[in-house]
């Protein structure tokens, strides 16, 4: 029974995050109230503001990525727990000769 309940919870979580009306794109903000309303009973939702150390860590990563994206041609960054990273860049812009 517990396994079936876990699978049902996972299905509800996936359905919420895969719903185009909810997420639309990667840049769409999902408010904590939305998470609490839709995922209550499936996930424990904690506000970053209630966890200062976690908030500092998350904002540090966010700011590093925003700086990387705004100053390079990087469009995707993936890093694992070992510190190994893969970055995807836009191709170079072809410039007409003589320019």
C-alpha atoms as a PDB file:
ATOM      1  CA  UNK A   1       0.000   0.000   0.000  1.00  0.00           C
ATOM      2  CA  UNK A   2       2.786   2.457   0.872  1.00  0.00           C
ATOM      3  CA  UNK A   3       4.441   1.869  -2.498  1.00  0.00           C
ATOM      4  CA  UNK A   4       1.165   2.615  -4.306  1.00  0.00           C
ATOM      5  CA  UNK A   5       0.721   5.812  -2.274  1.00  0.00           C
ATOM      6  CA  UNK A   6       4.285   6.914  -3.087  1.00  0.00           C
ATOM      7  CA  UNK A   7       3.720   6.264  -6.781  1.00  0.00           C
ATOM      8  CA  UNK A   8       0.465   8.246  -6.689  1.00  0.00           C
ATOM      9  CA  UNK A   9       2.273  11.127  -4.957  1.00  0.00           C
ATOM     10  CA  UNK A  10       5.053  11.077  -7.565  1.00  0.00           C
ATOM     11  CA  UNK A  11       2.428  11.084 -10.328  1.00  0.00           C
ATOM     12  CA  UNK A  12       0.733  14.160  -8.813  1.00  0.00           C
ATOM     13  CA  UNK A  13       4.060  15.991  -8.431  1.00  0.00           C
ATOM     14  CA  UNK A  14       5.049  15.184 -12.012  1.00  0.00           C
ATOM     15  CA  UNK A  15       1.632  16.207 -13.301  1.00  0.00           C
ATOM     16  CA  UNK A  16       1.940  19.585 -11.550  1.00  0.00           C
ATOM     17  CA  UNK A  17       5.410  20.387 -12.908  1.00  0.00           C
ATOM     18  CA  UNK A  18       4.681  19.002 -16.404  1.00  0.00           C
ATOM     19  CA  UNK A  19       1.470  21.024 -16.796  1.00  0.00           C
ATOM     20  CA  UNK A  20       2.142  23.663 -19.462  1.00  0.00           C
ATOM     21  CA  UNK A  21      -0.519  25.931 -17.946  1.00  0.00           C
ATOM     22  CA  UNK A  22       1.427  25.936 -14.672  1.00  0.00           C
ATOM     23  CA  UNK A  23       5.006  26.071 -15.851  1.00  0.00           C
ATOM     24  CA  UNK A  24       4.752  27.217 -19.519  1.00  0.00           C
ATOM     25  CA  UNK A  25       8.549  27.523 -19.723  1.00  0.00           C
ATOM     26  CA  UNK A  26      11.689  27.264 -17.586  1.00  0.00           C
ATOM     27  CA  UNK A  27      11.570  30.946 -16.732  1.00  0.00           C
ATOM     28  CA  UNK A  28       8.089  30.952 -15.241  1.00  0.00           C
ATOM     29  CA  UNK A  29       7.952  31.693 -11.538  1.00  0.00           C
ATOM     30  CA  UNK A  30       6.041  29.235  -9.353  1.00  0.00           C
ATOM     31  CA  UNK A  31       4.902  30.936  -6.185  1.00  0.00           C
ATOM     32  CA  UNK A  32       5.230  29.105  -2.865  1.00  0.00           C
ATOM     33  CA  UNK A  33       1.459  29.402  -2.364  1.00  0.00           C
ATOM     34  CA  UNK A  34       0.939  27.487  -5.627  1.00  0.00           C
ATOM     35  CA  UNK A  35       3.230  24.738  -4.377  1.00  0.00           C
ATOM     36  CA  UNK A  36       1.498  24.589  -1.010  1.00  0.00           C
ATOM     37  CA  UNK A  37      -1.960  24.534  -2.609  1.00  0.00           C
ATOM     38  CA  UNK A  38      -1.196  21.903  -5.244  1.00  0.00           C
ATOM     39  CA  UNK A  39       1.358  19.692  -3.514  1.00  0.00           C
ATOM     40  CA  UNK A  40       0.217  19.749   0.105  1.00  0.00           C
ATOM     41  CA  UNK A  41       0.331  16.182   1.337  1.00  0.00           C
ATOM     42  CA  UNK A  42       2.814  15.179  -1.364  1.00  0.00           C
ATOM     43  CA  UNK A  43       5.796  17.399  -0.548  1.00  0.00           C
ATOM     44  CA  UNK A  44       6.910  19.436   2.427  1.00  0.00           C
ATOM     45  CA  UNK A  45       7.306  22.998   1.158  1.00  0.00           C
ATOM     46  CA  UNK A  46       9.618  25.329   3.081  1.00  0.00           C
ATOM     47  CA  UNK A  47      10.142  29.005   2.220  1.00  0.00           C
ATOM     48  CA  UNK A  48      13.762  29.892   1.465  1.00  0.00           C
ATOM     49  CA  UNK A  49      13.318  32.973   3.645  1.00  0.00           C
ATOM     50  CA  UNK A  50      12.816  30.643   6.616  1.00  0.00           C
ATOM     51  CA  UNK A  51      16.195  28.956   6.014  1.00  0.00           C
ATOM     52  CA  UNK A  52      18.852  31.718   5.794  1.00  0.00           C
ATOM     53  CA  UNK A  53      21.789  29.394   5.079  1.00  0.00           C
ATOM     54  CA  UNK A  54      19.922  27.612   2.291  1.00  0.00           C
ATOM     55  CA  UNK A  55      18.701  30.932   0.888  1.00  0.00           C
ATOM     56  CA  UNK A  56      22.276  32.241   0.799  1.00  0.00           C
ATOM     57  CA  UNK A  57      23.483  29.106  -1.006  1.00  0.00           C
ATOM     58  CA  UNK A  58      20.639  29.171  -3.553  1.00  0.00           C
ATOM     59  CA  UNK A  59      21.058  32.885  -4.252  1.00  0.00           C
ATOM     60  CA  UNK A  60      24.832  32.456  -4.618  1.00  0.00           C
ATOM     61  CA  UNK A  61      24.322  29.802  -7.308  1.00  0.00           C
ATOM     62  CA  UNK A  62      21.598  31.887  -8.956  1.00  0.00           C
ATOM     63  CA  UNK A  63      23.814  34.982  -9.117  1.00  0.00           C
ATOM     64  CA  UNK A  64      26.776  32.985 -10.453  1.00  0.00           C
ATOM     65  CA  UNK A  65      24.606  31.533 -13.218  1.00  0.00           C
ATOM     66  CA  UNK A  66      23.043  34.895 -14.108  1.00  0.00           C
ATOM     67  CA  UNK A  67      26.523  36.428 -14.365  1.00  0.00           C
ATOM     68  CA  UNK A  68      27.703  33.505 -16.511  1.00  0.00           C
ATOM     69  CA  UNK A  69      24.701  33.737 -18.831  1.00  0.00           C
ATOM     70  CA  UNK A  70      24.951  37.522 -19.181  1.00  0.00           C
ATOM     71  CA  UNK A  71      28.704  37.636 -19.911  1.00  0.00           C
ATOM     72  CA  UNK A  72      29.252  34.498 -22.016  1.00  0.00           C
ATOM     73  CA  UNK A  73      27.520  32.592 -24.818  1.00  0.00           C
ATOM     74  CA  UNK A  74      26.582  29.842 -22.331  1.00  0.00           C
ATOM     75  CA  UNK A  75      22.947  28.723 -22.482  1.00  0.00           C
ATOM     76  CA  UNK A  76      23.040  25.667 -20.212  1.00  0.00           C
ATOM     77  CA  UNK A  77      25.148  24.634 -17.220  1.00  0.00           C
ATOM     78  CA  UNK A  78      24.977  21.241 -15.507  1.00  0.00           C
ATOM     79  CA  UNK A  79      27.216  20.379 -12.560  1.00  0.00           C
ATOM     80  CA  UNK A  80      27.245  17.226 -10.443  1.00  0.00           C
ATOM     81  CA  UNK A  81      28.026  16.669  -6.779  1.00  0.00           C
ATOM     82  CA  UNK A  82      31.694  16.059  -7.659  1.00  0.00           C
ATOM     83  CA  UNK A  83      32.094  19.530  -9.151  1.00  0.00           C
ATOM     84  CA  UNK A  84      32.273  18.240 -12.723  1.00  0.00           C
ATOM     85  CA  UNK A  85      30.443  20.575 -15.073  1.00  0.00           C
ATOM     86  CA  UNK A  86      29.217  20.647 -18.647  1.00  0.00           C
ATOM     87  CA  UNK A  87      28.337  23.920 -20.359  1.00  0.00           C
ATOM     88  CA  UNK A  88      26.461  24.342 -23.613  1.00  0.00           C
ATOM     89  CA  UNK A  89      27.257  27.469 -25.616  1.00  0.00           C
ATOM     90  CA  UNK A  90      25.636  29.193 -28.548  1.00  0.00           C
ATOM     91  CA  UNK A  91      27.672  28.768 -31.731  1.00  0.00           C
ATOM     92  CA  UNK A  92      29.908  31.673 -32.731  1.00  0.00           C
ATOM     93  CA  UNK A  93      28.288  34.407 -34.774  1.00  0.00           C
ATOM     94  CA  UNK A  94      29.488  34.396 -38.383  1.00  0.00           C
ATOM     95  CA  UNK A  95      30.784  37.824 -39.323  1.00  0.00           C
ATOM     96  CA  UNK A  96      30.927  38.904 -42.947  1.00  0.00           C
ATOM     97  CA  UNK A  97      34.447  39.251 -44.275  1.00  0.00           C
ATOM     98  CA  UNK A  98      35.800  42.773 -44.161  1.00  0.00           C
ATOM     99  CA  UNK A  99      33.663  43.700 -41.182  1.00  0.00           C
END
